[in-house]
Amino acid sequence: MRSSISSRSQQLYRACRPSCTARSLLPSASKATSSFAPTFQTTPSPRWTSPSSPSPSRSPSRTYSSSAPNPAPAPPQTHYEFFPKTLSAGPPPSGTFRIDVRKLRQEFLQLQAVAHPDRHPAELKTRAEATSARINEAYKTLQDPLLRAQYLLRLRGVDVAEDETAKVDDPELLMEVLDTREEIENAQEEEELVELKRVNEERIAASEEVLEKAFKEDDIETARREAVKLRYWVNIKESLDSWEKGKPVVLVH
C-alpha cells in the first residue's frame, strides 16, 4: 500500500513539473530572482516578453509602453505656428498684431539651421525643401507689417493684397499722397527727403497702432481700411528709399 502511494505521488510530481518550471520563470512569489524589482511581483502584462531588459529603477509604465510609433505632429496651420517661442499666443485676437522682429529673426535662423535640406539624407531632401520654403514664407510675411496685416485679413476671408479695387475713399488722404509724391519727384538732393522720411515713418507707426487695436477687437472692417492706407505709406517709403534725381514716383494704390 505504501509503495503504491509513493508511486502515484511520483507520477503526479512528474506530471506537474512542466507547469511548475514555467511558473518558476515568472518574476512573482518566492521564485522571483534578484534581477527583478519588487514591483514586478504581480501578474505581468501580456506585452512583457523579455525578463532581462527591465532594471529595478525603471517604472512598469515605461517597460510596458506600446511599441507602436508615435503619430507625426500635425503640420502648422498658420504662419504663427512656425514660431512658438516668439509668437506663443498665436495670431490676433489672442495674440498681438505687433511683433518683436528681432526675436522673430532669431527663431527663424534657428529653424532654418535645422530644416535646411543639406542637413537631411537624400530620401528626405524633398520634404526638407518644402518645409524650409514654408518657414521662409512665414518669416517674410510676419516680419513686414503690411504683409502681416494682409495675411491676417486673408485668414478671415478678406483679400486686400490682390484686390485692385481696394482703395481708401478719403479725398484728404489721396491729396496727401499725391502731394508727397510730387515733393519726392521735385527733390534735387537726397537731404531734402529727410523730413519726408520722418513724417512717413510716423504715418506707418500710426497705421500699426490702428491695426493693433482693430485686430485685438476683431474689427475686420477697420483693419481692412487701415491695411489699404498702410499700403500707400509703404509705397511712399519704398519711393523714398530708392530715390534718384529725376526718377518718376509710381504709387501703387
Protein backbone atom coordinates (compact mmCIF):
# COMPACT_ATOMS: atom_id res chain seq x y z
CA MET A 1 0.00 0.00 0.00
CA ARG A 2 2.75 2.44 0.97
CA SER A 3 4.71 1.69 -2.22
CA SER A 4 1.58 2.26 -4.32
CA ILE A 5 1.01 5.68 -2.77
CA SER A 6 4.66 6.59 -3.31
CA SER A 7 4.45 5.52 -6.96
CA ARG A 8 1.35 7.66 -7.58
CA SER A 9 3.00 10.66 -5.89
CA GLN A 10 5.98 10.41 -8.19
CA GLN A 11 3.68 10.25 -11.24
CA LEU A 12 1.81 13.37 -10.13
CA TYR A 13 5.10 15.18 -9.49
CA ARG A 14 6.39 14.36 -12.97
CA ALA A 15 3.06 15.47 -14.50
CA CYS A 16 3.18 18.86 -12.82
CA ARG A 17 6.87 19.59 -13.40
CA PRO A 18 6.45 21.46 -16.73
CA SER A 19 3.90 23.92 -15.29
CA CYS A 20 5.86 24.33 -12.11
CA THR A 21 9.02 25.08 -14.12
CA ALA A 22 7.17 27.66 -16.26
CA ARG A 23 5.87 29.37 -13.14
CA SER A 24 9.34 29.47 -11.67
CA LEU A 25 10.49 31.72 -14.57
CA LEU A 26 7.91 34.39 -13.76
CA PRO A 27 9.04 37.26 -11.51
CA SER A 28 6.49 36.51 -8.78
CA ALA A 29 6.22 34.99 -5.32
CA SER A 30 9.28 33.47 -3.71
CA LYS A 31 10.68 32.17 -7.01
CA ALA A 32 11.50 35.73 -8.25
CA THR A 33 15.20 36.27 -8.75
CA SER A 34 17.19 39.29 -7.56
CA SER A 35 17.22 40.82 -11.06
CA PHE A 36 13.57 41.79 -10.79
CA ALA A 37 12.24 44.79 -8.93
CA PRO A 38 9.61 44.17 -6.26
CA THR A 39 7.07 45.99 -8.42
CA PHE A 40 7.20 43.11 -10.93
CA GLN A 41 5.97 40.55 -8.42
CA THR A 42 2.42 40.90 -9.72
CA THR A 43 0.98 39.20 -12.79
CA PRO A 44 2.96 40.54 -15.76
CA SER A 45 1.37 42.21 -18.76
CA PRO A 46 0.96 40.06 -21.91
CA ARG A 47 3.31 42.50 -23.69
CA TRP A 48 6.18 41.53 -21.40
CA THR A 49 8.43 39.02 -23.17
CA SER A 50 11.98 39.64 -22.00
CA PRO A 51 12.80 39.22 -18.29
CA SER A 52 16.29 40.60 -18.72
CA SER A 53 15.66 44.11 -20.06
CA PRO A 54 13.99 45.95 -17.12
CA SER A 55 16.02 47.27 -14.23
CA PRO A 56 14.80 47.88 -10.66
CA SER A 57 14.79 51.64 -11.20
CA ARG A 58 12.51 51.61 -14.24
CA SER A 59 8.80 52.01 -13.75
CA PRO A 60 6.32 49.47 -15.18
CA SER A 61 4.63 52.20 -17.23
CA ARG A 62 7.79 52.72 -19.28
CA THR A 63 8.53 49.00 -19.57
CA TYR A 64 5.06 48.11 -20.79
CA SER A 65 4.62 51.09 -23.15
CA SER A 66 3.35 50.39 -26.63
CA SER A 67 5.97 49.75 -29.26
CA ALA A 68 3.89 51.45 -31.97
CA PRO A 69 5.50 54.65 -33.32
CA ASN A 70 4.07 57.96 -32.21
CA PRO A 71 1.97 59.72 -34.86
CA ALA A 72 3.71 62.54 -36.70
CA PRO A 73 2.81 66.00 -35.37
CA ALA A 74 0.29 67.94 -37.42
CA PRO A 75 1.86 70.48 -39.79
CA PRO A 76 1.47 74.16 -38.85
CA GLN A 77 -1.87 75.60 -39.90
CA THR A 78 -0.79 79.27 -39.80
CA HIS A 79 2.48 81.15 -40.16
CA TYR A 80 2.38 81.87 -36.44
CA GLU A 81 2.71 78.20 -35.52
CA PHE A 82 6.19 78.06 -37.03
CA PHE A 83 7.45 80.39 -34.29
CA PRO A 84 6.16 79.07 -30.93
CA LYS A 85 8.83 80.88 -28.92
CA THR A 86 8.25 84.35 -30.34
CA LEU A 87 4.54 84.04 -31.12
CA SER A 88 3.31 81.65 -28.44
CA ALA A 89 -0.07 83.43 -28.17
CA GLY A 90 -0.75 82.94 -31.87
CA PRO A 91 -2.40 85.44 -34.21
CA PRO A 92 -4.79 88.16 -33.05
CA PRO A 93 -7.11 88.49 -31.26
CA SER A 94 -5.42 86.04 -28.82
CA GLY A 95 -2.01 87.44 -29.73
CA THR A 96 -0.90 90.94 -30.67
CA PHE A 97 -0.53 92.42 -34.12
CA ARG A 98 2.86 93.91 -33.33
CA ILE A 99 5.81 91.52 -33.33
CA ASP A 100 9.31 91.64 -31.88
CA VAL A 101 11.06 91.31 -35.24
CA ARG A 102 14.47 90.78 -33.65
CA LYS A 103 13.27 87.72 -31.71
CA LEU A 104 11.37 86.52 -34.75
CA ARG A 105 14.56 86.57 -36.82
CA GLN A 106 16.50 84.68 -34.14
CA GLU A 107 13.92 81.91 -34.08
CA PHE A 108 13.78 81.90 -37.88
CA LEU A 109 17.53 81.33 -38.13
CA GLN A 110 17.33 78.52 -35.58
CA LEU A 111 14.54 76.83 -37.53
CA GLN A 112 16.36 77.12 -40.83
CA ALA A 113 19.54 75.68 -39.30
CA VAL A 114 17.55 72.52 -38.52
CA ALA A 115 15.32 72.41 -41.61
CA HIS A 116 17.97 73.20 -44.22
CA PRO A 117 17.84 70.49 -46.93
CA ASP A 118 21.62 69.96 -46.80
CA ARG A 119 21.23 68.61 -43.26
CA HIS A 120 18.94 65.78 -44.36
CA PRO A 121 19.52 62.50 -46.25
CA ALA A 122 18.58 62.23 -49.91
CA GLU A 123 15.27 60.46 -49.26
CA LEU A 124 14.11 63.33 -47.01
CA LYS A 125 15.56 66.24 -49.01
CA THR A 126 12.36 67.00 -50.93
CA ARG A 127 10.35 67.17 -47.75
CA ALA A 128 13.01 69.33 -46.08
CA GLU A 129 12.99 71.73 -49.05
CA ALA A 130 9.21 72.12 -48.76
CA THR A 131 9.45 72.77 -45.01
CA SER A 132 12.26 75.27 -45.48
CA ALA A 133 10.23 77.11 -48.12
CA ARG A 134 7.24 77.35 -45.79
CA ILE A 135 9.41 78.72 -42.99
CA ASN A 136 10.83 81.33 -45.37
CA GLU A 137 7.37 82.37 -46.50
CA ALA A 138 6.10 82.60 -42.91
CA TYR A 139 9.04 84.74 -41.82
CA LYS A 140 8.87 87.04 -44.86
CA THR A 141 5.16 87.62 -44.24
CA LEU A 142 5.22 88.15 -40.48
CA GLN A 143 8.27 90.42 -40.29
CA ASP A 144 6.60 93.00 -42.54
CA PRO A 145 3.63 94.93 -41.01
CA LEU A 146 1.80 95.35 -44.32
CA LEU A 147 2.19 91.71 -45.40
CA ARG A 148 1.24 90.63 -41.87
CA ALA A 149 -1.95 92.69 -41.92
CA GLN A 150 -2.87 91.39 -45.36
CA TYR A 151 -2.21 87.83 -44.24
CA LEU A 152 -4.37 88.18 -41.11
CA LEU A 153 -7.19 89.59 -43.19
CA ARG A 154 -6.83 86.74 -45.66
CA LEU A 155 -7.24 84.27 -42.78
CA ARG A 156 -10.63 85.92 -42.24
CA GLY A 157 -11.59 85.73 -45.91
CA VAL A 158 -10.70 89.33 -46.85
CA ASP A 159 -8.09 89.71 -49.60
CA VAL A 160 -6.83 93.27 -49.88
CA ALA A 161 -3.47 92.29 -51.36
CA GLU A 162 -4.84 91.09 -54.69
CA ASP A 163 -7.96 93.28 -54.79
CA GLU A 164 -7.13 96.12 -57.15
CA THR A 165 -10.40 97.86 -56.23
CA ALA A 166 -9.42 98.10 -52.56
CA LYS A 167 -8.85 101.84 -52.22
CA VAL A 168 -9.38 104.40 -49.50
CA ASP A 169 -12.39 106.59 -50.12
CA ASP A 170 -10.81 109.58 -48.39
CA PRO A 171 -10.13 112.68 -50.54
CA GLU A 172 -7.85 114.26 -47.93
CA LEU A 173 -5.72 111.12 -47.74
CA LEU A 174 -5.44 110.88 -51.51
CA MET A 175 -4.43 114.53 -51.70
CA GLU A 176 -1.75 113.95 -49.06
CA VAL A 177 -0.41 111.01 -51.05
CA LEU A 178 -0.28 113.00 -54.28
CA ASP A 179 1.44 115.95 -52.60
CA THR A 180 4.08 113.65 -51.13
CA ARG A 181 4.73 112.06 -54.49
CA GLU A 182 5.22 115.49 -56.05
CA GLU A 183 7.69 116.50 -53.31
CA ILE A 184 9.72 113.34 -53.90
CA GLU A 185 9.83 113.91 -57.65
CA ASN A 186 10.84 117.58 -57.27
CA ALA A 187 13.65 116.90 -54.79
CA GLN A 188 17.09 117.89 -56.08
CA GLU A 189 19.16 116.46 -53.24
CA GLU A 190 18.65 113.42 -51.04
CA GLU A 191 18.93 115.64 -47.96
CA GLU A 192 15.57 117.17 -48.94
CA LEU A 193 13.95 113.80 -48.24
CA VAL A 194 14.97 113.55 -44.59
CA GLU A 195 11.87 115.30 -43.28
CA LEU A 196 9.61 113.38 -45.66
CA LYS A 197 11.06 110.12 -44.38
CA ARG A 198 10.46 111.12 -40.78
CA VAL A 199 6.86 112.09 -41.43
CA ASN A 200 6.20 108.91 -43.36
CA GLU A 201 7.63 106.73 -40.59
CA GLU A 202 5.14 108.40 -38.24
CA ARG A 203 2.34 107.55 -40.66
CA ILE A 204 3.37 103.89 -40.71
CA ALA A 205 3.59 103.76 -36.91
CA ALA A 206 0.13 105.32 -36.63
CA SER A 207 -1.31 102.73 -39.01
CA GLU A 208 0.25 99.94 -36.97
CA GLU A 209 -1.42 101.33 -33.85
CA VAL A 210 -4.81 101.32 -35.57
CA LEU A 211 -4.25 97.76 -36.82
CA GLU A 212 -3.20 96.61 -33.34
CA LYS A 213 -6.47 97.86 -31.86
CA ALA A 214 -8.61 96.66 -34.76
CA PHE A 215 -7.28 93.09 -34.73
CA LYS A 216 -7.44 92.92 -30.93
CA GLU A 217 -11.12 93.84 -31.10
CA ASP A 218 -11.63 91.67 -34.19
CA ASP A 219 -12.83 94.76 -36.07
CA ILE A 220 -12.18 93.44 -39.56
CA GLU A 221 -13.64 96.38 -41.46
CA THR A 222 -11.39 98.90 -39.68
CA ALA A 223 -8.42 96.58 -40.19
CA ARG A 224 -9.25 96.31 -43.91
CA ARG A 225 -9.40 100.09 -44.39
CA GLU A 226 -6.19 100.68 -42.45
CA ALA A 227 -4.35 97.93 -44.36
CA VAL A 228 -5.21 99.71 -47.61
CA LYS A 229 -4.00 103.01 -46.12
CA LEU A 230 -0.79 101.38 -44.91
CA ARG A 231 -0.16 100.19 -48.45
CA TYR A 232 0.10 103.85 -49.54
CA TRP A 233 2.59 104.69 -46.79
CA VAL A 234 4.73 101.64 -47.51
CA ASN A 235 4.76 102.54 -51.19
CA ILE A 236 5.93 106.07 -50.34
CA LYS A 237 8.63 104.61 -48.09
CA GLU A 238 9.89 102.45 -50.96
CA SER A 239 9.94 105.50 -53.25
CA LEU A 240 11.93 107.48 -50.67
CA ASP A 241 14.41 104.65 -50.13
CA SER A 242 15.01 104.18 -53.85
CA TRP A 243 15.02 107.88 -54.76
CA GLU A 244 17.05 109.05 -57.73
CA LYS A 245 17.09 112.59 -59.06
CA GLY A 246 14.53 112.98 -61.84
CA LYS A 247 13.14 109.47 -61.33
CA PRO A 248 9.32 109.42 -61.52
CA VAL A 249 7.44 108.13 -58.48
CA VAL A 250 4.91 105.38 -59.17
CA LEU A 251 2.48 104.80 -56.31
CA VAL A 252 0.57 101.53 -56.19
CA HIS A 253 -2.97 102.13 -54.98
